Amino acid sequence: MTLGKFLMIAGLTGATLATSVLAQNPSPRGPPCADRDHVAGQLRETFGERMIGSGLAESGVLFELYVGANGSWTLLATVPTGRSCLIGSGEAWEPLPTPEHFAAQ
């Protein structure tokens, strides 16, 4: 689910993915990354997720937690250049955000 979610966020097509898999060794190379504004927009539009919290690490990396009303969640790490990397995602986040939280964004 994590890779599938990010591929949708990044806007990659099946042809692009197939080409990259065939051209490269399929071993893991690190977390998928894309422009933060694009990722945040796709999380909102595609998955209904809104940021419910964030924190700044000493290294300057911004960690953001996005949660959907259905309990889906995504954790992003964003570097100062604006590039976000998917750290993790899943289901059954508790407690669910209140409806007012979603109306405010």
PDB file of N, CA and C in Angstrom:
ATOM      1  N   MET A   1       0.823  -1.202   0.000  1.00  0.00           N
ATOM      2  CA  MET A   1       0.000   0.000   0.000  1.00  0.00           C
ATOM      3  C   MET A   1       0.861   1.258   0.000  1.00  0.00           C
ATOM      4  N   THR A   2       1.965   1.263   0.708  1.00  0.00           N
ATOM      5  CA  THR A   2       2.793   2.451   0.796  1.00  0.00           C
ATOM      6  C   THR A   2       3.332   2.853  -0.571  1.00  0.00           C
ATOM      7  N   LEU A   3       3.948   1.944  -1.303  1.00  0.00           N
ATOM      8  CA  LEU A   3       4.479   2.268  -2.615  1.00  0.00           C
ATOM      9  C   LEU A   3       3.362   2.630  -3.571  1.00  0.00           C
ATOM     10  N   GLY A   4       2.257   1.898  -3.524  1.00  0.00           N
ATOM     11  CA  GLY A   4       1.127   2.205  -4.400  1.00  0.00           C
ATOM     12  C   GLY A   4       0.587   3.593  -4.144  1.00  0.00           C
ATOM     13  N   LYS A   5       0.466   3.978  -2.897  1.00  0.00           N
ATOM     14  CA  LYS A   5      -0.016   5.311  -2.560  1.00  0.00           C
ATOM     15  C   LYS A   5       0.927   6.366  -3.107  1.00  0.00           C
ATOM     16  N   PHE A   6       2.221   6.162  -2.944  1.00  0.00           N
ATOM     17  CA  PHE A   6       3.141   7.179  -3.406  1.00  0.00           C
ATOM     18  C   PHE A   6       3.191   7.254  -4.920  1.00  0.00           C
ATOM     19  N   LEU A   7       3.089   6.128  -5.599  1.00  0.00           N
ATOM     20  CA  LEU A   7       3.085   6.163  -7.056  1.00  0.00           C
ATOM     21  C   LEU A   7       1.914   6.977  -7.569  1.00  0.00           C
ATOM     22  N   MET A   8       0.766   6.860  -6.908  1.00  0.00           N
ATOM     23  CA  MET A   8      -0.388   7.666  -7.301  1.00  0.00           C
ATOM     24  C   MET A   8      -0.106   9.135  -7.011  1.00  0.00           C
ATOM     25  N   ILE A   9       0.485   9.413  -5.860  1.00  0.00           N
ATOM     26  CA  ILE A   9       0.804  10.790  -5.496  1.00  0.00           C
ATOM     27  C   ILE A   9       1.790  11.400  -6.484  1.00  0.00           C
ATOM     28  N   ALA A  10       2.796  10.664  -6.831  1.00  0.00           N
ATOM     29  CA  ALA A  10       3.831  11.181  -7.720  1.00  0.00           C
ATOM     30  C   ALA A  10       3.349  11.295  -9.156  1.00  0.00           C
ATOM     31  N   GLY A  11       2.220  10.661  -9.465  1.00  0.00           N
ATOM     32  CA  GLY A  11       1.663  10.773 -10.800  1.00  0.00           C
ATOM     33  C   GLY A  11       2.371   9.913 -11.827  1.00  0.00           C
ATOM     34  N   LEU A  12       3.019   8.845 -11.372  1.00  0.00           N
ATOM     35  CA  LEU A  12       3.700   7.967 -12.304  1.00  0.00           C
ATOM     36  C   LEU A  12       2.686   7.080 -13.008  1.00  0.00           C
ATOM     37  N   THR A  13       2.925   6.801 -14.275  1.00  0.00           N
ATOM     38  CA  THR A  13       2.046   5.910 -15.021  1.00  0.00           C
ATOM     39  C   THR A  13       2.621   4.507 -15.003  1.00  0.00           C
ATOM     40  N   GLY A  14       1.812   3.547 -15.365  1.00  0.00           N
ATOM     41  CA  GLY A  14       2.273   2.168 -15.435  1.00  0.00           C
ATOM     42  C   GLY A  14       3.432   2.003 -16.394  1.00  0.00           C
ATOM     43  N   ALA A  15       3.405   2.724 -17.509  1.00  0.00           N
ATOM     44  CA  ALA A  15       4.487   2.627 -18.488  1.00  0.00           C
ATOM     45  C   ALA A  15       5.786   3.158 -17.910  1.00  0.00           C
ATOM     46  N   THR A  16       5.719   4.250 -17.187  1.00  0.00           N
ATOM     47  CA  THR A  16       6.918   4.811 -16.575  1.00  0.00           C
ATOM     48  C   THR A  16       7.491   3.854 -15.548  1.00  0.00           C
ATOM     49  N   LEU A  17       6.619   3.279 -14.737  1.00  0.00           N
ATOM     50  CA  LEU A  17       7.059   2.342 -13.714  1.00  0.00           C
ATOM     51  C   LEU A  17       7.670   1.110 -14.364  1.00  0.00           C
ATOM     52  N   ALA A  18       7.023   0.555 -15.375  1.00  0.00           N
ATOM     53  CA  ALA A  18       7.543  -0.630 -16.042  1.00  0.00           C
ATOM     54  C   ALA A  18       8.902  -0.352 -16.660  1.00  0.00           C
ATOM     55  N   THR A  19       9.070   0.785 -17.283  1.00  0.00           N
ATOM     56  CA  THR A  19      10.335   1.148 -17.896  1.00  0.00           C
ATOM     57  C   THR A  19      11.429   1.247 -16.852  1.00  0.00           C
ATOM     58  N   SER A  20      11.134   1.889 -15.725  1.00  0.00           N
ATOM     59  CA  SER A  20      12.163   2.061 -14.709  1.00  0.00           C
ATOM     60  C   SER A  20      12.523   0.742 -14.054  1.00  0.00           C
ATOM     61  N   VAL A  21      11.548  -0.143 -13.864  1.00  0.00           N
ATOM     62  CA  VAL A  21      11.827  -1.440 -13.251  1.00  0.00           C
ATOM     63  C   VAL A  21      12.672  -2.288 -14.186  1.00  0.00           C
ATOM     64  N   LEU A  22      12.375  -2.277 -15.480  1.00  0.00           N
ATOM     65  CA  LEU A  22      13.133  -3.068 -16.435  1.00  0.00           C
ATOM     66  C   LEU A  22      14.543  -2.528 -16.624  1.00  0.00           C
ATOM     67  N   ALA A  23      14.709  -1.232 -16.491  1.00  0.00           N
ATOM     68  CA  ALA A  23      16.003  -0.612 -16.738  1.00  0.00           C
ATOM     69  C   ALA A  23      16.920  -0.651 -15.529  1.00  0.00           C
ATOM     70  N   GLN A  24      16.385  -0.946 -14.349  1.00  0.00           N
ATOM     71  CA  GLN A  24      17.174  -0.875 -13.129  1.00  0.00           C
ATOM     72  C   GLN A  24      17.059  -2.172 -12.345  1.00  0.00           C
ATOM     73  N   ASN A  25      17.979  -2.325 -11.445  1.00  0.00           N
ATOM     74  CA  ASN A  25      17.893  -3.425 -10.501  1.00  0.00           C
ATOM     75  C   ASN A  25      16.721  -3.141  -9.570  1.00  0.00           C
ATOM     76  N   PRO A  26      15.798  -4.092  -9.340  1.00  0.00           N
ATOM     77  CA  PRO A  26      14.620  -3.813  -8.521  1.00  0.00           C
ATOM     78  C   PRO A  26      14.888  -3.738  -7.021  1.00  0.00           C
ATOM     79  N   SER A  27      16.139  -3.666  -6.591  1.00  0.00           N
ATOM     80  CA  SER A  27      16.416  -3.576  -5.164  1.00  0.00           C
ATOM     81  C   SER A  27      16.010  -2.208  -4.630  1.00  0.00           C
ATOM     82  N   PRO A  28      15.638  -2.127  -3.344  1.00  0.00           N
ATOM     83  CA  PRO A  28      15.211  -0.843  -2.750  1.00  0.00           C
ATOM     84  C   PRO A  28      16.330   0.194  -2.812  1.00  0.00           C
ATOM     85  N   ARG A  29      15.937   1.455  -3.094  1.00  0.00           N
ATOM     86  CA  ARG A  29      16.911   2.541  -3.193  1.00  0.00           C
ATOM     87  C   ARG A  29      16.603   3.673  -2.232  1.00  0.00           C
ATOM     88  N   GLY A  30      15.658   3.529  -1.385  1.00  0.00           N
ATOM     89  CA  GLY A  30      15.290   4.599  -0.480  1.00  0.00           C
ATOM     90  C   GLY A  30      13.844   4.983  -0.676  1.00  0.00           C
ATOM     91  N   PRO A  31      13.353   5.887   0.146  1.00  0.00           N
ATOM     92  CA  PRO A  31      11.937   6.256   0.058  1.00  0.00           C
ATOM     93  C   PRO A  31      11.629   7.070  -1.193  1.00  0.00           C
ATOM     94  N   PRO A  32      10.414   6.929  -1.732  1.00  0.00           N
ATOM     95  CA  PRO A  32      10.014   7.747  -2.884  1.00  0.00           C
ATOM     96  C   PRO A  32       9.826   9.201  -2.451  1.00  0.00           C
ATOM     97  N   CYS A  33      10.225  10.134  -3.329  1.00  0.00           N
ATOM     98  CA  CYS A  33      10.158  11.553  -3.009  1.00  0.00           C
ATOM     99  C   CYS A  33       9.566  12.352  -4.166  1.00  0.00           C
ATOM    100  N   ALA A  34       8.950  13.492  -3.854  1.00  0.00           N
ATOM    101  CA  ALA A  34       8.390  14.409  -4.855  1.00  0.00           C
ATOM    102  C   ALA A  34       8.232  15.782  -4.203  1.00  0.00           C
ATOM    103  N   ASP A  35       7.838  16.781  -4.990  1.00  0.00           N
ATOM    104  CA  ASP A  35       7.620  18.133  -4.494  1.00  0.00           C
ATOM    105  C   ASP A  35       6.535  18.135  -3.411  1.00  0.00           C
ATOM    106  N   ARG A  36       6.771  18.802  -2.297  1.00  0.00           N
ATOM    107  CA  ARG A  36       5.870  18.783  -1.154  1.00  0.00           C
ATOM    108  C   ARG A  36       4.469  19.267  -1.503  1.00  0.00           C
ATOM    109  N   ASP A  37       4.359  20.369  -2.232  1.00  0.00           N
ATOM    110  CA  ASP A  37       3.034  20.897  -2.563  1.00  0.00           C
ATOM    111  C   ASP A  37       2.224  19.903  -3.378  1.00  0.00           C
ATOM    112  N   HIS A  38       2.875  19.217  -4.297  1.00  0.00           N
ATOM    113  CA  HIS A  38       2.192  18.205  -5.105  1.00  0.00           C
ATOM    114  C   HIS A  38       1.723  17.038  -4.232  1.00  0.00           C
ATOM    115  N   VAL A  39       2.609  16.559  -3.364  1.00  0.00           N
ATOM    116  CA  VAL A  39       2.275  15.424  -2.501  1.00  0.00           C
ATOM    117  C   VAL A  39       1.113  15.783  -1.572  1.00  0.00           C
ATOM    118  N   ALA A  40       1.194  16.940  -0.916  1.00  0.00           N
ATOM    119  CA  ALA A  40       0.129  17.357   0.004  1.00  0.00           C
ATOM    120  C   ALA A  40      -1.201  17.493  -0.731  1.00  0.00           C
ATOM    121  N   GLY A  41      -1.179  18.045  -1.937  1.00  0.00           N
ATOM    122  CA  GLY A  41      -2.396  18.182  -2.729  1.00  0.00           C
ATOM    123  C   GLY A  41      -2.995  16.839  -3.101  1.00  0.00           C
ATOM    124  N   GLN A  42      -2.152  15.895  -3.485  1.00  0.00           N
ATOM    125  CA  GLN A  42      -2.637  14.571  -3.853  1.00  0.00           C
ATOM    126  C   GLN A  42      -3.177  13.817  -2.637  1.00  0.00           C
ATOM    127  N   LEU A  43      -2.544  13.985  -1.492  1.00  0.00           N
ATOM    128  CA  LEU A  43      -3.061  13.343  -0.273  1.00  0.00           C
ATOM    129  C   LEU A  43      -4.459  13.863   0.043  1.00  0.00           C
ATOM    130  N   ARG A  44      -4.658  15.154  -0.137  1.00  0.00           N
ATOM    131  CA  ARG A  44      -5.954  15.769   0.129  1.00  0.00           C
ATOM    132  C   ARG A  44      -6.993  15.320  -0.912  1.00  0.00           C
ATOM    133  N   GLU A  45      -6.664  15.454  -2.187  1.00  0.00           N
ATOM    134  CA  GLU A  45      -7.630  15.188  -3.255  1.00  0.00           C
ATOM    135  C   GLU A  45      -7.932  13.701  -3.439  1.00  0.00           C
ATOM    136  N   THR A  46      -6.917  12.871  -3.385  1.00  0.00           N
ATOM    137  CA  THR A  46      -7.089  11.451  -3.686  1.00  0.00           C
ATOM    138  C   THR A  46      -7.500  10.635  -2.470  1.00  0.00           C
ATOM    139  N   PHE A  47      -6.929  10.940  -1.311  1.00  0.00           N
ATOM    140  CA  PHE A  47      -7.159  10.124  -0.125  1.00  0.00           C
ATOM    141  C   PHE A  47      -7.949  10.836   0.967  1.00  0.00           C
ATOM    142  N   GLY A  48      -8.266  12.120   0.767  1.00  0.00           N
ATOM    143  CA  GLY A  48      -9.007  12.870   1.773  1.00  0.00           C
ATOM    144  C   GLY A  48      -8.215  13.091   3.048  1.00  0.00           C
ATOM    145  N   GLU A  49      -6.890  13.048   2.966  1.00  0.00           N
ATOM    146  CA  GLU A  49      -6.056  13.215   4.153  1.00  0.00           C
ATOM    147  C   GLU A  49      -5.679  14.672   4.356  1.00  0.00           C
ATOM    148  N   ARG A  50      -5.679  15.078   5.612  1.00  0.00           N
ATOM    149  CA  ARG A  50      -5.303  16.432   6.010  1.00  0.00           C
ATOM    150  C   ARG A  50      -4.184  16.345   7.044  1.00  0.00           C
ATOM    151  N   MET A  51      -3.325  17.349   7.058  1.00  0.00           N
ATOM    152  CA  MET A  51      -2.257  17.361   8.049  1.00  0.00           C
ATOM    153  C   MET A  51      -2.855  17.608   9.432  1.00  0.00           C
ATOM    154  N   ILE A  52      -2.524  16.726  10.371  1.00  0.00           N
ATOM    155  CA  ILE A  52      -3.021  16.906  11.735  1.00  0.00           C
ATOM    156  C   ILE A  52      -1.904  17.275  12.705  1.00  0.00           C
ATOM    157  N   GLY A  53      -0.668  17.214  12.234  1.00  0.00           N
ATOM    158  CA  GLY A  53       0.441  17.583  13.104  1.00  0.00           C
ATOM    159  C   GLY A  53       1.747  17.612  12.339  1.00  0.00           C
ATOM    160  N   SER A  54       2.695  18.357  12.885  1.00  0.00           N
ATOM    161  CA  SER A  54       4.014  18.437  12.259  1.00  0.00           C
ATOM    162  C   SER A  54       5.051  18.748  13.325  1.00  0.00           C
ATOM    163  N   GLY A  55       6.289  18.470  12.992  1.00  0.00           N
ATOM    164  CA  GLY A  55       7.380  18.763  13.903  1.00  0.00           C
ATOM    165  C   GLY A  55       8.665  18.965  13.131  1.00  0.00           C
ATOM    166  N   LEU A  56       9.509  19.837  13.620  1.00  0.00           N
ATOM    167  CA  LEU A  56      10.765  20.167  12.958  1.00  0.00           C
ATOM    168  C   LEU A  56      11.913  19.492  13.697  1.00  0.00           C
ATOM    169  N   ALA A  57      12.666  18.655  12.980  1.00  0.00           N
ATOM    170  CA  ALA A  57      13.822  17.983  13.559  1.00  0.00           C
ATOM    171  C   ALA A  57      15.008  18.940  13.615  1.00  0.00           C
ATOM    172  N   GLU A  58      15.949  18.648  14.455  1.00  0.00           N
ATOM    173  CA  GLU A  58      17.141  19.484  14.594  1.00  0.00           C
ATOM    174  C   GLU A  58      17.887  19.615  13.266  1.00  0.00           C
ATOM    175  N   SER A  59      17.784  18.605  12.423  1.00  0.00           N
ATOM    176  CA  SER A  59      18.456  18.603  11.126  1.00  0.00           C
ATOM    177  C   SER A  59      17.800  19.532  10.103  1.00  0.00           C
ATOM    178  N   GLY A  60      16.620  20.079  10.439  1.00  0.00           N
ATOM    179  CA  GLY A  60      15.897  20.943   9.514  1.00  0.00           C
ATOM    180  C   GLY A  60      14.829  20.210   8.727  1.00  0.00           C
ATOM    181  N   VAL A  61      14.694  18.915   8.944  1.00  0.00           N
ATOM    182  CA  VAL A  61      13.665  18.129   8.265  1.00  0.00           C
ATOM    183  C   VAL A  61      12.330  18.330   8.972  1.00  0.00           C
ATOM    184  N   LEU A  62      11.301  18.611   8.186  1.00  0.00           N
ATOM    185  CA  LEU A  62       9.950  18.779   8.707  1.00  0.00           C
ATOM    186  C   LEU A  62       9.207  17.466   8.565  1.00  0.00           C
ATOM    187  N   PHE A  63       8.693  16.917   9.658  1.00  0.00           N
ATOM    188  CA  PHE A  63       7.879  15.710   9.628  1.00  0.00           C
ATOM    189  C   PHE A  63       6.421  16.128   9.723  1.00  0.00           C
ATOM    190  N   GLU A  64       5.587  15.574   8.826  1.00  0.00           N
ATOM    191  CA  GLU A  64       4.165  15.906   8.801  1.00  0.00           C
ATOM    192  C   GLU A  64       3.339  14.627   8.801  1.00  0.00           C
ATOM    193  N   LEU A  65       2.286  14.635   9.611  1.00  0.00           N
ATOM    194  CA  LEU A  65       1.385  13.500   9.676  1.00  0.00           C
ATOM    195  C   LEU A  65       0.048  13.903   9.067  1.00  0.00           C
ATOM    196  N   TYR A  66      -0.374  13.179   8.037  1.00  0.00           N
ATOM    197  CA  TYR A  66      -1.649  13.396   7.361  1.00  0.00           C
ATOM    198  C   TYR A  66      -2.566  12.232   7.707  1.00  0.00           C
ATOM    199  N   VAL A  67      -3.834  12.540   8.034  1.00  0.00           N
ATOM    200  CA  VAL A  67      -4.800  11.511   8.390  1.00  0.00           C
ATOM    201  C   VAL A  67      -6.106  11.781   7.664  1.00  0.00           C
ATOM    202  N   GLY A  68      -6.746  10.703   7.206  1.00  0.00           N
ATOM    203  CA  GLY A  68      -8.040  10.802   6.552  1.00  0.00           C
ATOM    204  C   GLY A  68      -9.161  10.456   7.513  1.00  0.00           C
ATOM    205  N   ALA A  69     -10.368  10.880   7.199  1.00  0.00           N
ATOM    206  CA  ALA A  69     -11.532  10.621   8.048  1.00  0.00           C
ATOM    207  C   ALA A  69     -11.815   9.128   8.180  1.00  0.00           C
ATOM    208  N   ASN A  70     -11.322   8.328   7.240  1.00  0.00           N
ATOM    209  CA  ASN A  70     -11.531   6.878   7.303  1.00  0.00           C
ATOM    210  C   ASN A  70     -10.428   6.155   8.068  1.00  0.00           C
ATOM    211  N   GLY A  71      -9.439   6.886   8.578  1.00  0.00           N
ATOM    212  CA  GLY A  71      -8.360   6.293   9.355  1.00  0.00           C
ATOM    213  C   GLY A  71      -7.081   6.046   8.578  1.00  0.00           C
ATOM    214  N   SER A  72      -7.056   6.371   7.284  1.00  0.00           N
ATOM    215  CA  SER A  72      -5.803   6.237   6.539  1.00  0.00           C
ATOM    216  C   SER A  72      -4.825   7.305   7.038  1.00  0.00           C
ATOM    217  N   TRP A  73      -3.527   7.022   6.962  1.00  0.00           N
ATOM    218  CA  TRP A  73      -2.537   7.985   7.410  1.00  0.00           C
ATOM    219  C   TRP A  73      -1.280   7.902   6.558  1.00  0.00           C
ATOM    220  N   THR A  74      -0.551   9.020   6.509  1.00  0.00           N
ATOM    221  CA  THR A  74       0.699   9.113   5.770  1.00  0.00           C
ATOM    222  C   THR A  74       1.659   9.988   6.566  1.00  0.00           C
ATOM    223  N   LEU A  75       2.903   9.544   6.682  1.00  0.00           N
ATOM    224  CA  LEU A  75       3.944  10.321   7.343  1.00  0.00           C
ATOM    225  C   LEU A  75       4.949  10.751   6.279  1.00  0.00           C
ATOM    226  N   LEU A  76       5.172  12.067   6.177  1.00  0.00           N
ATOM    227  CA  LEU A  76       6.122  12.633   5.217  1.00  0.00           C
ATOM    228  C   LEU A  76       7.278  13.300   5.953  1.00  0.00           C
ATOM    229  N   ALA A  77       8.437  13.281   5.310  1.00  0.00           N
ATOM    230  CA  ALA A  77       9.593  14.053   5.771  1.00  0.00           C
ATOM    231  C   ALA A  77       9.945  15.012   4.642  1.00  0.00           C
ATOM    232  N   THR A  78      10.007  16.306   4.956  1.00  0.00           N
ATOM    233  CA  THR A  78      10.280  17.321   3.936  1.00  0.00           C
ATOM    234  C   THR A  78      11.569  18.048   4.280  1.00  0.00           C
ATOM    235  N   VAL A  79      12.488  18.096   3.320  1.00  0.00           N
ATOM    236  CA  VAL A  79      13.760  18.798   3.506  1.00  0.00           C
ATOM    237  C   VAL A  79      13.549  20.272   3.167  1.00  0.00           C
ATOM    238  N   PRO A  80      14.458  21.146   3.594  1.00  0.00           N
ATOM    239  CA  PRO A  80      14.274  22.584   3.374  1.00  0.00           C
ATOM    240  C   PRO A  80      14.096  23.000   1.906  1.00  0.00           C
ATOM    241  N   THR A  81      14.525  22.195   0.953  1.00  0.00           N
ATOM    242  CA  THR A  81      14.352  22.524  -0.458  1.00  0.00           C
ATOM    243  C   THR A  81      12.913  22.304  -0.939  1.00  0.00           C
ATOM    244  N   GLY A  82      12.054  21.698  -0.092  1.00  0.00           N
ATOM    245  CA  GLY A  82      10.660  21.473  -0.460  1.00  0.00           C
ATOM    246  C   GLY A  82      10.385  20.093  -1.008  1.00  0.00           C
ATOM    247  N   ARG A  83      11.341  19.214  -0.978  1.00  0.00           N
ATOM    248  CA  ARG A  83      11.161  17.843  -1.448  1.00  0.00           C
ATOM    249  C   ARG A  83      10.680  16.980  -0.293  1.00  0.00           C
ATOM    250  N   SER A  84       9.558  16.263  -0.496  1.00  0.00           N
ATOM    251  CA  SER A  84       8.985  15.395   0.538  1.00  0.00           C
ATOM    252  C   SER A  84       9.232  13.938   0.192  1.00  0.00           C
ATOM    253  N   CYS A  85       9.535  13.158   1.210  1.00  0.00           N
ATOM    254  CA  CYS A  85       9.735  11.724   1.042  1.00  0.00           C
ATOM    255  C   CYS A  85       8.731  10.978   1.918  1.00  0.00           C
ATOM    256  N   LEU A  86       8.174   9.930   1.350  1.00  0.00           N
ATOM    257  CA  LEU A  86       7.216   9.100   2.058  1.00  0.00           C
ATOM    258  C   LEU A  86       7.963   8.242   3.073  1.00  0.00           C
ATOM    259  N   ILE A  87       7.614   8.397   4.330  1.00  0.00           N
ATOM    260  CA  ILE A  87       8.232   7.612   5.391  1.00  0.00           C
ATOM    261  C   ILE A  87       7.395   6.382   5.701  1.00  0.00           C
ATOM    262  N   GLY A  88       6.076   6.539   5.690  1.00  0.00           N
ATOM    263  CA  GLY A  88       5.188   5.414   5.959  1.00  0.00           C
ATOM    264  C   GLY A  88       3.745   5.806   5.728  1.00  0.00           C
ATOM    265  N   SER A  89       2.905   4.795   5.574  1.00  0.00           N
ATOM    266  CA  SER A  89       1.466   5.029   5.455  1.00  0.00           C
ATOM    267  C   SER A  89       0.750   3.769   5.900  1.00  0.00           C
ATOM    268  N   GLY A  90      -0.523   3.917   6.241  1.00  0.00           N
ATOM    269  CA  GLY A  90      -1.269   2.758   6.701  1.00  0.00           C
ATOM    270  C   GLY A  90      -2.727   3.087   6.933  1.00  0.00           C
ATOM    271  N   GLU A  91      -3.354   2.251   7.716  1.00  0.00           N
ATOM    272  CA  GLU A  91      -4.780   2.360   8.017  1.00  0.00           C
ATOM    273  C   GLU A  91      -4.992   2.346   9.530  1.00  0.00           C
ATOM    274  N   ALA A  92      -6.225   2.604   9.931  1.00  0.00           N
ATOM    275  CA  ALA A  92      -6.693   2.474  11.319  1.00  0.00           C
ATOM    276  C   ALA A  92      -6.025   3.449  12.280  1.00  0.00           C
ATOM    277  N   TRP A  93      -5.766   4.697  11.830  1.00  0.00           N
ATOM    278  CA  TRP A  93      -5.224   5.708  12.738  1.00  0.00           C
ATOM    279  C   TRP A  93      -6.267   6.025  13.799  1.00  0.00           C
ATOM    280  N   GLU A  94      -5.831   6.136  15.034  1.00  0.00           N
ATOM    281  CA  GLU A  94      -6.725   6.508  16.128  1.00  0.00           C
ATOM    282  C   GLU A  94      -6.028   7.519  17.017  1.00  0.00           C
ATOM    283  N   PRO A  95      -6.736   8.466  17.566  1.00  0.00           N
ATOM    284  CA  PRO A  95      -8.135   8.780  17.300  1.00  0.00           C
ATOM    285  C   PRO A  95      -8.279   9.509  15.966  1.00  0.00           C
ATOM    286  N   LEU A  96      -9.419   9.329  15.345  1.00  0.00           N
ATOM    287  CA  LEU A  96      -9.698  10.023  14.092  1.00  0.00           C
ATOM    288  C   LEU A  96      -9.843  11.516  14.355  1.00  0.00           C
ATOM    289  N   PRO A  97      -9.396  12.353  13.410  1.00  0.00           N
ATOM    290  CA  PRO A  97      -9.578  13.792  13.567  1.00  0.00           C
ATOM    291  C   PRO A  97     -11.067  14.143  13.597  1.00  0.00           C
ATOM    292  N   THR A  98     -11.390  15.220  14.266  1.00  0.00           N
ATOM    293  CA  THR A  98     -12.788  15.674  14.326  1.00  0.00           C
ATOM    294  C   THR A  98     -13.195  16.282  12.990  1.00  0.00           C
ATOM    295  N   PRO A  99     -14.483  16.262  12.659  1.00  0.00           N
ATOM    296  CA  PRO A  99     -14.938  16.868  11.402  1.00  0.00           C
ATOM    297  C   PRO A  99     -14.556  18.339  11.289  1.00  0.00           C
ATOM    298  N   GLU A 100     -14.482  19.056  12.399  1.00  0.00           N
ATOM    299  CA  GLU A 100     -14.108  20.468  12.355  1.00  0.00           C
ATOM    300  C   GLU A 100     -12.680  20.645  11.844  1.00  0.00           C
ATOM    301  N   HIS A 101     -11.816  19.684  12.156  1.00  0.00           N
ATOM    302  CA  HIS A 101     -10.448  19.765  11.688  1.00  0.00           C
ATOM    303  C   HIS A 101     -10.398  19.734  10.160  1.00  0.00           C
ATOM    304  N   PHE A 102     -11.222  18.915   9.544  1.00  0.00           N
ATOM    305  CA  PHE A 102     -11.234  18.811   8.097  1.00  0.00           C
ATOM    306  C   PHE A 102     -11.901  20.037   7.459  1.00  0.00           C
ATOM    307  N   ALA A 103     -12.865  20.608   8.115  1.00  0.00           N
ATOM    308  CA  ALA A 103     -13.554  21.785   7.575  1.00  0.00           C
ATOM    309  C   ALA A 103     -12.633  23.002   7.579  1.00  0.00           C
ATOM    310  N   ALA A 104     -11.670  23.048   8.470  1.00  0.00           N
ATOM    311  CA  ALA A 104     -10.785  24.204   8.604  1.00  0.00           C
ATOM    312  C   ALA A 104      -9.718  24.264   7.526  1.00  0.00           C
ATOM    313  N   GLN A 105      -9.539  23.188   6.775  1.00  0.00           N
ATOM    314  CA  GLN A 105      -8.437  23.183   5.798  1.00  0.00           C
ATOM    315  C   GLN A 105      -8.944  23.268   4.407  1.00  0.00           C
TER     316      GLN A 105
END
